[in-house]
Structure formats: structure tokens, C-alpha cells
C-alpha atoms as a PDB file:
ATOM      1  CA  UNK A   1    -139.928 -43.146  26.992  1.00  0.00           C
ATOM      2  CA  UNK A   2    -136.981 -40.657  27.043  1.00  0.00           C
ATOM      3  CA  UNK A   3    -136.862 -37.547  24.817  1.00  0.00           C
ATOM      4  CA  UNK A   4    -134.227 -38.888  22.708  1.00  0.00           C
ATOM      5  CA  UNK A   5    -136.414 -42.106  21.921  1.00  0.00           C
ATOM      6  CA  UNK A   6    -139.470 -39.904  21.290  1.00  0.00           C
ATOM      7  CA  UNK A   7    -137.706 -37.695  18.580  1.00  0.00           C
ATOM      8  CA  UNK A   8    -136.804 -39.375  15.372  1.00  0.00           C
ATOM      9  CA  UNK A   9    -133.315 -39.242  14.199  1.00  0.00           C
ATOM     10  CA  UNK A  10    -132.459 -36.949  11.435  1.00  0.00           C
ATOM     11  CA  UNK A  11    -133.236 -37.984   7.933  1.00  0.00           C
ATOM     12  CA  UNK A  12    -130.473 -38.920   5.466  1.00  0.00           C
ATOM     13  CA  UNK A  13    -131.598 -35.865   3.418  1.00  0.00           C
ATOM     14  CA  UNK A  14    -130.893 -33.499   6.366  1.00  0.00           C
ATOM     15  CA  UNK A  15    -127.428 -35.054   7.193  1.00  0.00           C
ATOM     16  CA  UNK A  16    -126.387 -34.466   3.625  1.00  0.00           C
ATOM     17  CA  UNK A  17    -127.092 -30.776   3.517  1.00  0.00           C
ATOM     18  CA  UNK A  18    -124.100 -28.790   4.529  1.00  0.00           C
ATOM     19  CA  UNK A  19    -124.482 -25.269   6.277  1.00  0.00           C
ATOM     20  CA  UNK A  20    -124.429 -22.565   3.778  1.00  0.00           C
ATOM     21  CA  UNK A  21    -122.181 -19.387   4.016  1.00  0.00           C
ATOM     22  CA  UNK A  22    -123.549 -16.165   2.452  1.00  0.00           C
ATOM     23  CA  UNK A  23    -120.781 -14.955   0.134  1.00  0.00           C
ATOM     24  CA  UNK A  24    -120.597 -12.659  -2.930  1.00  0.00           C
ATOM     25  CA  UNK A  25    -117.820 -14.017  -4.969  1.00  0.00           C
ATOM     26  CA  UNK A  26    -116.954 -13.930  -8.661  1.00  0.00           C
ATOM     27  CA  UNK A  27    -116.115 -17.142 -10.273  1.00  0.00           C
ATOM     28  CA  UNK A  28    -116.323 -19.024 -13.522  1.00  0.00           C
ATOM     29  CA  UNK A  29    -118.015 -22.233 -14.755  1.00  0.00           C
ATOM     30  CA  UNK A  30    -117.336 -24.122 -17.968  1.00  0.00           C
ATOM     31  CA  UNK A  31    -119.079 -26.747 -19.950  1.00  0.00           C
ATOM     32  CA  UNK A  32    -118.969 -28.261 -23.438  1.00  0.00           C
ATOM     33  CA  UNK A  33    -122.319 -26.696 -24.351  1.00  0.00           C
ATOM     34  CA  UNK A  34    -121.613 -23.121 -23.358  1.00  0.00           C
ATOM     35  CA  UNK A  35    -117.943 -22.769 -22.913  1.00  0.00           C
ATOM     36  CA  UNK A  36    -116.402 -20.773 -20.067  1.00  0.00           C
ATOM     37  CA  UNK A  37    -118.406 -17.943 -18.501  1.00  0.00           C
ATOM     38  CA  UNK A  38    -118.347 -15.761 -15.452  1.00  0.00           C
ATOM     39  CA  UNK A  39    -120.914 -16.187 -12.547  1.00  0.00           C
ATOM     40  CA  UNK A  40    -121.528 -14.553  -9.321  1.00  0.00           C
ATOM     41  CA  UNK A  41    -121.811 -16.762  -6.351  1.00  0.00           C
ATOM     42  CA  UNK A  42    -124.193 -16.087  -3.467  1.00  0.00           C
ATOM     43  CA  UNK A  43    -123.614 -18.927  -1.124  1.00  0.00           C
ATOM     44  CA  UNK A  44    -120.944 -21.579  -0.538  1.00  0.00           C
ATOM     45  CA  UNK A  45    -120.927 -24.831   1.408  1.00  0.00           C
ATOM     46  CA  UNK A  46    -118.381 -27.478   1.805  1.00  0.00           C
ATOM     47  CA  UNK A  47    -119.421 -29.379  -1.085  1.00  0.00           C
ATOM     48  CA  UNK A  48    -121.452 -26.971  -3.064  1.00  0.00           C
ATOM     49  CA  UNK A  49    -122.095 -23.536  -4.573  1.00  0.00           C
ATOM     50  CA  UNK A  50    -125.135 -21.547  -5.416  1.00  0.00           C
ATOM     51  CA  UNK A  51    -125.322 -18.528  -7.585  1.00  0.00           C
ATOM     52  CA  UNK A  52    -126.572 -16.787 -10.687  1.00  0.00           C
ATOM     53  CA  UNK A  53    -124.928 -16.532 -14.268  1.00  0.00           C
ATOM     54  CA  UNK A  54    -125.917 -15.476 -17.798  1.00  0.00           C
ATOM     55  CA  UNK A  55    -127.089 -18.814 -18.914  1.00  0.00           C
ATOM     56  CA  UNK A  56    -129.648 -21.300 -17.883  1.00  0.00           C
ATOM     57  CA  UNK A  57    -127.937 -24.603 -16.919  1.00  0.00           C
ATOM     58  CA  UNK A  58    -129.486 -28.102 -17.060  1.00  0.00           C
ATOM     59  CA  UNK A  59    -130.052 -30.243 -14.010  1.00  0.00           C
ATOM     60  CA  UNK A  60    -127.460 -33.184 -14.009  1.00  0.00           C
ATOM     61  CA  UNK A  61    -125.162 -31.376 -16.219  1.00  0.00           C
ATOM     62  CA  UNK A  62    -121.553 -31.833 -15.560  1.00  0.00           C
ATOM     63  CA  UNK A  63    -119.808 -28.436 -14.991  1.00  0.00           C
ATOM     64  CA  UNK A  64    -116.064 -27.329 -14.419  1.00  0.00           C
ATOM     65  CA  UNK A  65    -115.988 -24.844 -11.541  1.00  0.00           C
ATOM     66  CA  UNK A  66    -113.264 -22.288 -11.367  1.00  0.00           C
ATOM     67  CA  UNK A  67    -113.081 -20.626  -7.804  1.00  0.00           C
ATOM     68  CA  UNK A  68    -110.526 -18.136  -6.637  1.00  0.00           C
ATOM     69  CA  UNK A  69    -107.881 -19.746  -4.548  1.00  0.00           C
ATOM     70  CA  UNK A  70    -108.742 -23.373  -5.818  1.00  0.00           C
ATOM     71  CA  UNK A  71    -107.717 -25.700  -8.501  1.00  0.00           C
ATOM     72  CA  UNK A  72    -110.507 -26.125 -11.135  1.00  0.00           C
ATOM     73  CA  UNK A  73    -112.930 -28.863 -10.015  1.00  0.00           C
ATOM     74  CA  UNK A  74    -115.816 -30.729 -11.379  1.00  0.00           C
ATOM     75  CA  UNK A  75    -119.470 -30.477 -10.253  1.00  0.00           C
ATOM     76  CA  UNK A  76    -122.998 -31.538 -11.105  1.00  0.00           C
ATOM     77  CA  UNK A  77    -125.906 -29.108 -11.532  1.00  0.00           C
ATOM     78  CA  UNK A  78    -128.426 -29.982  -8.714  1.00  0.00           C
ATOM     79  CA  UNK A  79    -131.084 -27.273  -9.179  1.00  0.00           C
ATOM     80  CA  UNK A  80    -132.010 -24.510 -11.486  1.00  0.00           C
ATOM     81  CA  UNK A  81    -134.396 -21.558 -11.444  1.00  0.00           C
ATOM     82  CA  UNK A  82    -133.956 -19.397 -14.553  1.00  0.00           C
ATOM     83  CA  UNK A  83    -130.274 -18.291 -14.412  1.00  0.00           C
ATOM     84  CA  UNK A  84    -129.958 -19.191 -10.747  1.00  0.00           C
ATOM     85  CA  UNK A  85    -128.396 -22.578  -9.996  1.00  0.00           C
ATOM     86  CA  UNK A  86    -127.019 -24.885  -7.289  1.00  0.00           C
ATOM     87  CA  UNK A  87    -123.935 -27.079  -8.052  1.00  0.00           C
ATOM     88  CA  UNK A  88    -122.682 -29.914  -5.972  1.00  0.00           C
ATOM     89  CA  UNK A  89    -118.782 -30.128  -6.390  1.00  0.00           C
ATOM     90  CA  UNK A  90    -116.788 -33.336  -6.493  1.00  0.00           C
ATOM     91  CA  UNK A  91    -114.089 -31.944  -4.156  1.00  0.00           C
ATOM     92  CA  UNK A  92    -114.422 -30.065  -0.989  1.00  0.00           C
ATOM     93  CA  UNK A  93    -114.467 -26.149  -1.035  1.00  0.00           C
ATOM     94  CA  UNK A  94    -112.108 -24.607   1.416  1.00  0.00           C
ATOM     95  CA  UNK A  95    -114.093 -21.645   2.266  1.00  0.00           C
ATOM     96  CA  UNK A  96    -111.051 -19.884   4.203  1.00  0.00           C
ATOM     97  CA  UNK A  97    -109.017 -20.142   1.093  1.00  0.00           C
ATOM     98  CA  UNK A  98    -111.847 -18.708  -0.942  1.00  0.00           C
ATOM     99  CA  UNK A  99    -112.157 -15.733   1.439  1.00  0.00           C
ATOM    100  CA  UNK A 100    -108.356 -15.090   1.398  1.00  0.00           C
ATOM    101  CA  UNK A 101    -108.066 -15.273  -2.295  1.00  0.00           C
ATOM    102  CA  UNK A 102    -111.038 -12.746  -2.606  1.00  0.00           C
ATOM    103  CA  UNK A 103    -109.477 -10.484  -0.016  1.00  0.00           C
ATOM    104  CA  UNK A 104    -106.116 -10.512  -1.830  1.00  0.00           C
ATOM    105  CA  UNK A 105    -107.607  -8.778  -4.679  1.00  0.00           C
ATOM    106  CA  UNK A 106    -108.916  -5.870  -2.659  1.00  0.00           C
ATOM    107  CA  UNK A 107    -106.395  -3.038  -2.571  1.00  0.00           C
ATOM    108  CA  UNK A 108    -106.907   0.093  -0.388  1.00  0.00           C
ATOM    109  CA  UNK A 109    -106.922   3.237  -2.425  1.00  0.00           C
ATOM    110  CA  UNK A 110    -104.245   5.055  -0.562  1.00  0.00           C
ATOM    111  CA  UNK A 111    -101.773   2.145  -1.274  1.00  0.00           C
ATOM    112  CA  UNK A 112    -102.141   2.689  -5.089  1.00  0.00           C
ATOM    113  CA  UNK A 113    -102.616   6.356  -5.679  1.00  0.00           C
ATOM    114  CA  UNK A 114    -100.913   9.491  -4.366  1.00  0.00           C
ATOM    115  CA  UNK A 115    -103.550  11.899  -3.314  1.00  0.00           C
ATOM    116  CA  UNK A 116    -102.686  15.464  -3.243  1.00  0.00           C
ATOM    117  CA  UNK A 117    -104.664  18.661  -2.458  1.00  0.00           C
ATOM    118  CA  UNK A 118    -104.518  20.950  -5.431  1.00  0.00           C
ATOM    119  CA  UNK A 119    -105.295  24.709  -5.059  1.00  0.00           C
ATOM    120  CA  UNK A 120    -108.260  25.877  -7.079  1.00  0.00           C
ATOM    121  CA  UNK A 121    -107.387  27.085 -10.754  1.00  0.00           C
ATOM    122  CA  UNK A 122    -106.623  30.764 -11.180  1.00  0.00           C
ATOM    123  CA  UNK A 123    -108.642  31.881 -14.238  1.00  0.00           C
ATOM    124  CA  UNK A 124    -109.817  35.201 -15.411  1.00  0.00           C
ATOM    125  CA  UNK A 125    -113.385  35.547 -14.965  1.00  0.00           C
ATOM    126  CA  UNK A 126    -113.684  37.949 -18.001  1.00  0.00           C
ATOM    127  CA  UNK A 127    -115.998  36.691 -20.733  1.00  0.00           C
ATOM    128  CA  UNK A 128    -115.984  37.748 -24.455  1.00  0.00           C
ATOM    129  CA  UNK A 129    -118.688  40.537 -24.954  1.00  0.00           C
ATOM    130  CA  UNK A 130    -118.337  41.897 -21.463  1.00  0.00           C
ATOM    131  CA  UNK A 131    -116.418  45.136 -20.548  1.00  0.00           C
ATOM    132  CA  UNK A 132    -114.138  45.428 -17.555  1.00  0.00           C
ATOM    133  CA  UNK A 133    -115.155  49.022 -17.008  1.00  0.00           C
ATOM    134  CA  UNK A 134    -117.752  49.818 -14.377  1.00  0.00           C
ATOM    135  CA  UNK A 135    -121.114  50.062 -16.257  1.00  0.00           C
ATOM    136  CA  UNK A 136    -124.134  51.976 -15.339  1.00  0.00           C
ATOM    137  CA  UNK A 137    -126.866  50.298 -13.382  1.00  0.00           C
ATOM    138  CA  UNK A 138    -129.234  48.371 -15.651  1.00  0.00           C
ATOM    139  CA  UNK A 139    -126.718  47.989 -18.402  1.00  0.00           C
ATOM    140  CA  UNK A 140    -124.869  44.928 -17.129  1.00  0.00           C
ATOM    141  CA  UNK A 141    -121.587  45.634 -18.844  1.00  0.00           C
ATOM    142  CA  UNK A 142    -122.917  46.509 -22.269  1.00  0.00           C
ATOM    143  CA  UNK A 143    -121.115  49.202 -24.228  1.00  0.00           C
ATOM    144  CA  UNK A 144    -123.167  52.381 -25.175  1.00  0.00           C
END
């Protein structure tokens, strides 16, 4: 018996699961029950997203998914753990477009602002109640 005959073929469950890419992306979801709301995505695959939002979703619920760099798409909630969720999308997610759209929003600070070195302010250190005359030791500027 050869090695390939001894090891069982992968199960259909293993074949369906796509490799996940760890990401931190802001997106939005929408449904009739909750309206549209912002979420944070933690991982993305070819046909699914996982993340966390402000509301608890229901397994099997149909959701509109608004991803950066993509047209809105529909998805189905597959798992829920508190406010964390996993959604299987009806269309494929182009992870390169997702990254490109996310990177477009990041602008280096030096391209937006003009930084200048400013000299320290020249202020008079005199305070009311103090005299400018040299005072006797132990009097610390008080008048006699």
C-alpha cells in the first residue's frame, strides 16, 4: 500500500475553507434589523470576512458588506461569538484591491503639513509681586 492510498483524501469541509489573511481593516455592514454600521475586520479570505462590530449578529442573517475598494456585496453570517462574527460573501473578495484601497487612505505626515522649527518664545520672566532689584539673602525678592 502506497502512502497516498494510506492517507485519506481531504474532507469536503477542509476543501471549502479558504486560507485566511490577517488584516486590520475598517468596513461597514448593513441589514434591515440594524441599519448600516461600522465594523473592524481582523481577517479576510477569498469568500469571507471575520471581524468585530458594535452589534450581535444572528447566524444565517443576510448582510450587505461594504469593503474598501469593492462594490457592495451580500453575505451570510456563518458564526457569531458575542460581537465577533464570520461572514461568507456571495462574491469573491480581491484582497489586493482591499490592501490598495486601504493604503491609499494613508498619507505621510510630511506631505500634508509644513513643519518649521520655531525659536523659543522670548518672554519676560518677571512676575507680579517680585522686585527686579537684588534682594538680601533670605528675602527672595520681597520689599522691606
